[in-house]
Amino acid sequence: MLSRKSKGLQKIQMSRVEKVSDLLVTFSKRRCGLSTTASKLSIWCGVEIDIILFSGGIKVFSFGHPLVENLFNFILFQQLEFKSF
């Protein structure tokens, strides 16, 4: 019988990251992954997508396909232009 090298899929207890340096690294990795996933979703499904992320500090990150300005215009002017298909 062969011995396993890993324990396989395991449940991980969700908890808040306490260490500030670990928190920043986790945010950076998740932000990049979220942008990649949003980009793939917009390309594969042909949808318009906008994401705004607020970091723990003062930084704001945004991703939009085709343009993030569409979301800003919607928020500021409460107007949304729908394209007819």
PDB file of N, CA and C in Angstrom:
ATOM      1  N   MET A   1       0.823  -1.173   0.000  1.00  0.00           N
ATOM      2  CA  MET A   1       0.000   0.000   0.000  1.00  0.00           C
ATOM      3  C   MET A   1       0.880   1.253   0.000  1.00  0.00           C
ATOM      4  N   LEU A   2       0.524   2.219  -0.829  1.00  0.00           N
ATOM      5  CA  LEU A   2       1.289   3.454  -0.926  1.00  0.00           C
ATOM      6  C   LEU A   2       0.858   4.438   0.151  1.00  0.00           C
ATOM      7  N   SER A   3       1.814   5.124   0.711  1.00  0.00           N
ATOM      8  CA  SER A   3       1.476   6.133   1.713  1.00  0.00           C
ATOM      9  C   SER A   3       1.202   7.464   1.016  1.00  0.00           C
ATOM     10  N   ARG A   4       0.286   8.215   1.567  1.00  0.00           N
ATOM     11  CA  ARG A   4      -0.054   9.516   1.001  1.00  0.00           C
ATOM     12  C   ARG A   4       0.966  10.562   1.421  1.00  0.00           C
ATOM     13  N   LYS A   5       1.264  11.460   0.472  1.00  0.00           N
ATOM     14  CA  LYS A   5       2.197  12.545   0.778  1.00  0.00           C
ATOM     15  C   LYS A   5       1.473  13.741   1.374  1.00  0.00           C
ATOM     16  N   SER A   6       0.177  13.892   1.067  1.00  0.00           N
ATOM     17  CA  SER A   6      -0.570  15.025   1.601  1.00  0.00           C
ATOM     18  C   SER A   6      -1.829  14.524   2.296  1.00  0.00           C
ATOM     19  N   LYS A   7      -2.462  15.395   3.032  1.00  0.00           N
ATOM     20  CA  LYS A   7      -3.674  15.037   3.752  1.00  0.00           C
ATOM     21  C   LYS A   7      -4.917  15.204   2.892  1.00  0.00           C
ATOM     22  N   GLY A   8      -4.777  15.740   1.694  1.00  0.00           N
ATOM     23  CA  GLY A   8      -5.921  15.927   0.816  1.00  0.00           C
ATOM     24  C   GLY A   8      -6.687  17.195   1.159  1.00  0.00           C
ATOM     25  N   LEU A   9      -7.922  17.257   0.673  1.00  0.00           N
ATOM     26  CA  LEU A   9      -8.759  18.428   0.900  1.00  0.00           C
ATOM     27  C   LEU A   9      -9.224  18.456   2.349  1.00  0.00           C
ATOM     28  N   GLN A  10      -8.939  19.558   3.021  1.00  0.00           N
ATOM     29  CA  GLN A  10      -9.286  19.690   4.435  1.00  0.00           C
ATOM     30  C   GLN A  10     -10.064  20.983   4.646  1.00  0.00           C
ATOM     31  N   LYS A  11     -10.924  20.995   5.640  1.00  0.00           N
ATOM     32  CA  LYS A  11     -11.620  22.222   6.005  1.00  0.00           C
ATOM     33  C   LYS A  11     -10.664  23.124   6.764  1.00  0.00           C
ATOM     34  N   ILE A  12     -10.723  24.405   6.425  1.00  0.00           N
ATOM     35  CA  ILE A  12      -9.881  25.388   7.098  1.00  0.00           C
ATOM     36  C   ILE A  12     -10.780  26.301   7.908  1.00  0.00           C
ATOM     37  N   GLN A  13     -10.441  26.487   9.147  1.00  0.00           N
ATOM     38  CA  GLN A  13     -11.213  27.357  10.023  1.00  0.00           C
ATOM     39  C   GLN A  13     -11.038  28.807   9.576  1.00  0.00           C
ATOM     40  N   MET A  14     -12.146  29.491   9.323  1.00  0.00           N
ATOM     41  CA  MET A  14     -12.095  30.891   8.921  1.00  0.00           C
ATOM     42  C   MET A  14     -11.901  31.755  10.165  1.00  0.00           C
ATOM     43  N   SER A  15     -10.910  32.613  10.108  1.00  0.00           N
ATOM     44  CA  SER A  15     -10.663  33.517  11.224  1.00  0.00           C
ATOM     45  C   SER A  15     -10.022  34.792  10.681  1.00  0.00           C
ATOM     46  N   ARG A  16     -10.105  35.828  11.448  1.00  0.00           N
ATOM     47  CA  ARG A  16      -9.527  37.110  11.048  1.00  0.00           C
ATOM     48  C   ARG A  16      -8.010  37.034  11.168  1.00  0.00           C
ATOM     49  N   VAL A  17      -7.321  37.613  10.188  1.00  0.00           N
ATOM     50  CA  VAL A  17      -5.865  37.668  10.215  1.00  0.00           C
ATOM     51  C   VAL A  17      -5.474  38.808  11.147  1.00  0.00           C
ATOM     52  N   GLU A  18      -4.705  38.510  12.146  1.00  0.00           N
ATOM     53  CA  GLU A  18      -4.352  39.499  13.167  1.00  0.00           C
ATOM     54  C   GLU A  18      -3.078  40.272  12.833  1.00  0.00           C
ATOM     55  N   LYS A  19      -2.111  39.609  12.248  1.00  0.00           N
ATOM     56  CA  LYS A  19      -0.827  40.235  11.964  1.00  0.00           C
ATOM     57  C   LYS A  19      -0.965  41.169  10.760  1.00  0.00           C
ATOM     58  N   VAL A  20      -0.535  42.411  10.890  1.00  0.00           N
ATOM     59  CA  VAL A  20      -0.744  43.430   9.863  1.00  0.00           C
ATOM     60  C   VAL A  20      -0.023  43.068   8.564  1.00  0.00           C
ATOM     61  N   SER A  21       1.197  42.580   8.644  1.00  0.00           N
ATOM     62  CA  SER A  21       1.937  42.238   7.430  1.00  0.00           C
ATOM     63  C   SER A  21       1.256  41.083   6.684  1.00  0.00           C
ATOM     64  N   ASP A  22       0.753  40.092   7.419  1.00  0.00           N
ATOM     65  CA  ASP A  22       0.023  38.988   6.788  1.00  0.00           C
ATOM     66  C   ASP A  22      -1.280  39.479   6.164  1.00  0.00           C
ATOM     67  N   LEU A  23      -1.916  40.433   6.808  1.00  0.00           N
ATOM     68  CA  LEU A  23      -3.166  41.002   6.301  1.00  0.00           C
ATOM     69  C   LEU A  23      -2.943  41.710   4.972  1.00  0.00           C
ATOM     70  N   LEU A  24      -1.871  42.481   4.860  1.00  0.00           N
ATOM     71  CA  LEU A  24      -1.566  43.186   3.622  1.00  0.00           C
ATOM     72  C   LEU A  24      -1.225  42.232   2.486  1.00  0.00           C
ATOM     73  N   VAL A  25      -0.483  41.189   2.780  1.00  0.00           N
ATOM     74  CA  VAL A  25      -0.128  40.196   1.768  1.00  0.00           C
ATOM     75  C   VAL A  25      -1.377  39.461   1.290  1.00  0.00           C
ATOM     76  N   THR A  26      -2.244  39.083   2.213  1.00  0.00           N
ATOM     77  CA  THR A  26      -3.482  38.386   1.853  1.00  0.00           C
ATOM     78  C   THR A  26      -4.372  39.266   1.004  1.00  0.00           C
ATOM     79  N   PHE A  27      -4.512  40.537   1.364  1.00  0.00           N
ATOM     80  CA  PHE A  27      -5.326  41.463   0.585  1.00  0.00           C
ATOM     81  C   PHE A  27      -4.786  41.604  -0.827  1.00  0.00           C
ATOM     82  N   SER A  28      -3.467  41.736  -0.955  1.00  0.00           N
ATOM     83  CA  SER A  28      -2.842  41.896  -2.264  1.00  0.00           C
ATOM     84  C   SER A  28      -3.096  40.677  -3.155  1.00  0.00           C
ATOM     85  N   LYS A  29      -2.931  39.491  -2.594  1.00  0.00           N
ATOM     86  CA  LYS A  29      -3.161  38.261  -3.364  1.00  0.00           C
ATOM     87  C   LYS A  29      -4.620  38.122  -3.758  1.00  0.00           C
ATOM     88  N   ARG A  30      -5.521  38.380  -2.851  1.00  0.00           N
ATOM     89  CA  ARG A  30      -6.951  38.260  -3.140  1.00  0.00           C
ATOM     90  C   ARG A  30      -7.392  39.303  -4.152  1.00  0.00           C
ATOM     91  N   ARG A  31      -6.827  40.507  -4.077  1.00  0.00           N
ATOM     92  CA  ARG A  31      -7.175  41.575  -5.016  1.00  0.00           C
ATOM     93  C   ARG A  31      -6.777  41.188  -6.437  1.00  0.00           C
ATOM     94  N   CYS A  32      -5.588  40.654  -6.596  1.00  0.00           N
ATOM     95  CA  CYS A  32      -5.134  40.229  -7.929  1.00  0.00           C
ATOM     96  C   CYS A  32      -5.990  39.083  -8.452  1.00  0.00           C
ATOM     97  N   GLY A  33      -6.327  38.135  -7.592  1.00  0.00           N
ATOM     98  CA  GLY A  33      -7.162  37.007  -8.000  1.00  0.00           C
ATOM     99  C   GLY A  33      -8.559  37.440  -8.383  1.00  0.00           C
ATOM    100  N   LEU A  34      -9.099  38.393  -7.652  1.00  0.00           N
ATOM    101  CA  LEU A  34     -10.440  38.899  -7.938  1.00  0.00           C
ATOM    102  C   LEU A  34     -10.471  39.638  -9.270  1.00  0.00           C
ATOM    103  N   SER A  35      -9.456  40.429  -9.546  1.00  0.00           N
ATOM    104  CA  SER A  35      -9.382  41.140 -10.824  1.00  0.00           C
ATOM    105  C   SER A  35      -9.255  40.174 -11.989  1.00  0.00           C
ATOM    106  N   THR A  36      -8.455  39.130 -11.823  1.00  0.00           N
ATOM    107  CA  THR A  36      -8.299  38.126 -12.870  1.00  0.00           C
ATOM    108  C   THR A  36      -9.606  37.402 -13.135  1.00  0.00           C
ATOM    109  N   THR A  37     -10.300  37.002 -12.077  1.00  0.00           N
ATOM    110  CA  THR A  37     -11.571  36.302 -12.223  1.00  0.00           C
ATOM    111  C   THR A  37     -12.625  37.199 -12.868  1.00  0.00           C
ATOM    112  N   ALA A  38     -12.666  38.453 -12.486  1.00  0.00           N
ATOM    113  CA  ALA A  38     -13.625  39.390 -13.070  1.00  0.00           C
ATOM    114  C   ALA A  38     -13.331  39.601 -14.554  1.00  0.00           C
ATOM    115  N   SER A  39     -12.065  39.688 -14.908  1.00  0.00           N
ATOM    116  CA  SER A  39     -11.687  39.863 -16.305  1.00  0.00           C
ATOM    117  C   SER A  39     -12.116  38.658 -17.138  1.00  0.00           C
ATOM    118  N   LYS A  40     -11.863  37.467 -16.630  1.00  0.00           N
ATOM    119  CA  LYS A  40     -12.261  36.252 -17.345  1.00  0.00           C
ATOM    120  C   LYS A  40     -13.772  36.174 -17.493  1.00  0.00           C
ATOM    121  N   LEU A  41     -14.501  36.515 -16.443  1.00  0.00           N
ATOM    122  CA  LEU A  41     -15.964  36.475 -16.484  1.00  0.00           C
ATOM    123  C   LEU A  41     -16.506  37.442 -17.528  1.00  0.00           C
ATOM    124  N   SER A  42     -15.934  38.637 -17.588  1.00  0.00           N
ATOM    125  CA  SER A  42     -16.418  39.624 -18.555  1.00  0.00           C
ATOM    126  C   SER A  42     -16.129  39.200 -19.985  1.00  0.00           C
ATOM    127  N   ILE A  43     -15.003  38.550 -20.210  1.00  0.00           N
ATOM    128  CA  ILE A  43     -14.640  38.110 -21.561  1.00  0.00           C
ATOM    129  C   ILE A  43     -15.459  36.889 -21.966  1.00  0.00           C
ATOM    130  N   TRP A  44     -15.539  35.879 -21.100  1.00  0.00           N
ATOM    131  CA  TRP A  44     -16.222  34.632 -21.439  1.00  0.00           C
ATOM    132  C   TRP A  44     -17.729  34.813 -21.585  1.00  0.00           C
ATOM    133  N   CYS A  45     -18.335  35.614 -20.717  1.00  0.00           N
ATOM    134  CA  CYS A  45     -19.791  35.752 -20.718  1.00  0.00           C
ATOM    135  C   CYS A  45     -20.270  37.021 -21.420  1.00  0.00           C
ATOM    136  N   GLY A  46     -19.368  37.895 -21.792  1.00  0.00           N
ATOM    137  CA  GLY A  46     -19.743  39.119 -22.473  1.00  0.00           C
ATOM    138  C   GLY A  46     -20.531  40.080 -21.600  1.00  0.00           C
ATOM    139  N   VAL A  47     -20.176  40.165 -20.330  1.00  0.00           N
ATOM    140  CA  VAL A  47     -20.890  41.053 -19.404  1.00  0.00           C
ATOM    141  C   VAL A  47     -20.015  42.254 -19.063  1.00  0.00           C
ATOM    142  N   GLU A  48     -20.670  43.316 -18.634  1.00  0.00           N
ATOM    143  CA  GLU A  48     -19.950  44.478 -18.129  1.00  0.00           C
ATOM    144  C   GLU A  48     -19.829  44.330 -16.621  1.00  0.00           C
ATOM    145  N   ILE A  49     -18.636  44.567 -16.115  1.00  0.00           N
ATOM    146  CA  ILE A  49     -18.409  44.337 -14.689  1.00  0.00           C
ATOM    147  C   ILE A  49     -17.552  45.464 -14.121  1.00  0.00           C
ATOM    148  N   ASP A  50     -17.876  45.894 -12.930  1.00  0.00           N
ATOM    149  CA  ASP A  50     -17.114  46.921 -12.222  1.00  0.00           C
ATOM    150  C   ASP A  50     -16.911  46.473 -10.784  1.00  0.00           C
ATOM    151  N   ILE A  51     -15.693  46.631 -10.303  1.00  0.00           N
ATOM    152  CA  ILE A  51     -15.366  46.257  -8.928  1.00  0.00           C
ATOM    153  C   ILE A  51     -14.606  47.422  -8.293  1.00  0.00           C
ATOM    154  N   ILE A  52     -15.007  47.790  -7.098  1.00  0.00           N
ATOM    155  CA  ILE A  52     -14.284  48.806  -6.325  1.00  0.00           C
ATOM    156  C   ILE A  52     -13.900  48.174  -4.995  1.00  0.00           C
ATOM    157  N   LEU A  53     -12.609  48.204  -4.668  1.00  0.00           N
ATOM    158  CA  LEU A  53     -12.100  47.636  -3.428  1.00  0.00           C
ATOM    159  C   LEU A  53     -11.479  48.740  -2.583  1.00  0.00           C
ATOM    160  N   PHE A  54     -11.779  48.717  -1.312  1.00  0.00           N
ATOM    161  CA  PHE A  54     -11.197  49.667  -0.366  1.00  0.00           C
ATOM    162  C   PHE A  54     -10.257  48.890   0.544  1.00  0.00           C
ATOM    163  N   SER A  55      -8.987  49.287   0.574  1.00  0.00           N
ATOM    164  CA  SER A  55      -8.030  48.600   1.435  1.00  0.00           C
ATOM    165  C   SER A  55      -8.205  49.101   2.864  1.00  0.00           C
ATOM    166  N   GLY A  56      -7.457  48.498   3.765  1.00  0.00           N
ATOM    167  CA  GLY A  56      -7.531  48.904   5.164  1.00  0.00           C
ATOM    168  C   GLY A  56      -7.067  50.329   5.375  1.00  0.00           C
ATOM    169  N   GLY A  57      -6.240  50.813   4.489  1.00  0.00           N
ATOM    170  CA  GLY A  57      -5.757  52.193   4.583  1.00  0.00           C
ATOM    171  C   GLY A  57      -6.649  53.117   3.782  1.00  0.00           C
ATOM    172  N   ILE A  58      -6.033  54.007   3.039  1.00  0.00           N
ATOM    173  CA  ILE A  58      -6.792  54.986   2.269  1.00  0.00           C
ATOM    174  C   ILE A  58      -6.875  54.622   0.797  1.00  0.00           C
ATOM    175  N   LYS A  59      -6.239  53.561   0.376  1.00  0.00           N
ATOM    176  CA  LYS A  59      -6.172  53.242  -1.045  1.00  0.00           C
ATOM    177  C   LYS A  59      -7.481  52.652  -1.546  1.00  0.00           C
ATOM    178  N   VAL A  60      -7.819  53.029  -2.783  1.00  0.00           N
ATOM    179  CA  VAL A  60      -8.995  52.502  -3.454  1.00  0.00           C
ATOM    180  C   VAL A  60      -8.529  51.865  -4.753  1.00  0.00           C
ATOM    181  N   PHE A  61      -8.974  50.632  -4.995  1.00  0.00           N
ATOM    182  CA  PHE A  61      -8.626  49.912  -6.209  1.00  0.00           C
ATOM    183  C   PHE A  61      -9.904  49.679  -7.001  1.00  0.00           C
ATOM    184  N   SER A  62      -9.812  49.817  -8.322  1.00  0.00           N
ATOM    185  CA  SER A  62     -10.998  49.613  -9.143  1.00  0.00           C
ATOM    186  C   SER A  62     -10.643  48.799 -10.375  1.00  0.00           C
ATOM    187  N   PHE A  63     -11.617  48.047 -10.839  1.00  0.00           N
ATOM    188  CA  PHE A  63     -11.496  47.278 -12.071  1.00  0.00           C
ATOM    189  C   PHE A  63     -12.810  47.410 -12.804  1.00  0.00           C
ATOM    190  N   GLY A  64     -12.760  47.697 -14.081  1.00  0.00           N
ATOM    191  CA  GLY A  64     -13.980  47.812 -14.857  1.00  0.00           C
ATOM    192  C   GLY A  64     -13.772  47.330 -16.277  1.00  0.00           C
ATOM    193  N   HIS A  65     -14.762  46.625 -16.777  1.00  0.00           N
ATOM    194  CA  HIS A  65     -14.715  46.204 -18.171  1.00  0.00           C
ATOM    195  C   HIS A  65     -16.044  46.531 -18.804  1.00  0.00           C
ATOM    196  N   PRO A  66     -16.169  47.352 -19.767  1.00  0.00           N
ATOM    197  CA  PRO A  66     -15.101  47.985 -20.525  1.00  0.00           C
ATOM    198  C   PRO A  66     -14.502  49.207 -19.829  1.00  0.00           C
ATOM    199  N   LEU A  67     -15.289  49.979 -19.086  1.00  0.00           N
ATOM    200  CA  LEU A  67     -14.748  51.161 -18.405  1.00  0.00           C
ATOM    201  C   LEU A  67     -15.315  51.259 -17.001  1.00  0.00           C
ATOM    202  N   VAL A  68     -14.471  51.602 -16.051  1.00  0.00           N
ATOM    203  CA  VAL A  68     -14.932  51.777 -14.673  1.00  0.00           C
ATOM    204  C   VAL A  68     -15.675  53.109 -14.524  1.00  0.00           C
ATOM    205  N   GLU A  69     -15.480  54.021 -15.471  1.00  0.00           N
ATOM    206  CA  GLU A  69     -16.156  55.319 -15.419  1.00  0.00           C
ATOM    207  C   GLU A  69     -17.681  55.166 -15.510  1.00  0.00           C
ATOM    208  N   ASN A  70     -18.152  54.096 -16.167  1.00  0.00           N
ATOM    209  CA  ASN A  70     -19.595  53.861 -16.258  1.00  0.00           C
ATOM    210  C   ASN A  70     -20.214  53.720 -14.873  1.00  0.00           C
ATOM    211  N   LEU A  71     -19.527  53.015 -13.980  1.00  0.00           N
ATOM    212  CA  LEU A  71     -20.024  52.850 -12.619  1.00  0.00           C
ATOM    213  C   LEU A  71     -20.006  54.178 -11.867  1.00  0.00           C
ATOM    214  N   PHE A  72     -18.942  54.946 -12.042  1.00  0.00           N
ATOM    215  CA  PHE A  72     -18.863  56.236 -11.370  1.00  0.00           C
ATOM    216  C   PHE A  72     -19.977  57.171 -11.838  1.00  0.00           C
ATOM    217  N   ASN A  73     -20.240  57.173 -13.145  1.00  0.00           N
ATOM    218  CA  ASN A  73     -21.335  57.997 -13.666  1.00  0.00           C
ATOM    219  C   ASN A  73     -22.673  57.547 -13.102  1.00  0.00           C
ATOM    220  N   PHE A  74     -22.870  56.239 -12.973  1.00  0.00           N
ATOM    221  CA  PHE A  74     -24.114  55.717 -12.415  1.00  0.00           C
ATOM    222  C   PHE A  74     -24.281  56.164 -10.970  1.00  0.00           C
ATOM    223  N   ILE A  75     -23.225  56.071 -10.194  1.00  0.00           N
ATOM    224  CA  ILE A  75     -23.301  56.450  -8.784  1.00  0.00           C
ATOM    225  C   ILE A  75     -23.510  57.958  -8.638  1.00  0.00           C
ATOM    226  N   LEU A  76     -22.780  58.741  -9.402  1.00  0.00           N
ATOM    227  CA  LEU A  76     -22.859  60.192  -9.271  1.00  0.00           C
ATOM    228  C   LEU A  76     -24.154  60.772  -9.834  1.00  0.00           C
ATOM    229  N   PHE A  77     -24.616  60.251 -10.957  1.00  0.00           N
ATOM    230  CA  PHE A  77     -25.760  60.845 -11.631  1.00  0.00           C
ATOM    231  C   PHE A  77     -27.008  59.967 -11.596  1.00  0.00           C
ATOM    232  N   GLN A  78     -26.918  58.785 -10.980  1.00  0.00           N
ATOM    233  CA  GLN A  78     -28.036  57.844 -10.884  1.00  0.00           C
ATOM    234  C   GLN A  78     -28.667  57.568 -12.245  1.00  0.00           C
ATOM    235  N   GLN A  79     -27.814  57.421 -13.252  1.00  0.00           N
ATOM    236  CA  GLN A  79     -28.280  57.094 -14.591  1.00  0.00           C
ATOM    237  C   GLN A  79     -27.493  55.893 -15.084  1.00  0.00           C
ATOM    238  N   LEU A  80     -28.156  55.066 -15.838  1.00  0.00           N
ATOM    239  CA  LEU A  80     -27.507  53.908 -16.424  1.00  0.00           C
ATOM    240  C   LEU A  80     -28.009  53.760 -17.847  1.00  0.00           C
ATOM    241  N   GLU A  81     -27.091  53.713 -18.777  1.00  0.00           N
ATOM    242  CA  GLU A  81     -27.470  53.551 -20.161  1.00  0.00           C
ATOM    243  C   GLU A  81     -27.408  52.064 -20.503  1.00  0.00           C
ATOM    244  N   PHE A  82     -28.556  51.486 -20.842  1.00  0.00           N
ATOM    245  CA  PHE A  82     -28.605  50.091 -21.214  1.00  0.00           C
ATOM    246  C   PHE A  82     -28.439  49.953 -22.718  1.00  0.00           C
ATOM    247  N   LYS A  83     -27.678  48.972 -23.114  1.00  0.00           N
ATOM    248  CA  LYS A  83     -27.524  48.692 -24.533  1.00  0.00           C
ATOM    249  C   LYS A  83     -28.627  47.702 -24.936  1.00  0.00           C
ATOM    250  N   SER A  84     -29.217  47.928 -26.079  1.00  0.00           N
ATOM    251  CA  SER A  84     -30.231  46.985 -26.557  1.00  0.00           C
ATOM    252  C   SER A  84     -29.525  45.891 -27.344  1.00  0.00           C
ATOM    253  N   PHE A  85     -29.958  44.673 -27.113  1.00  0.00           N
ATOM    254  CA  PHE A  85     -29.331  43.527 -27.766  1.00  0.00           C
ATOM    255  C   PHE A  85     -30.132  43.113 -28.964  1.00  0.00           C
TER     256      PHE A  85
END
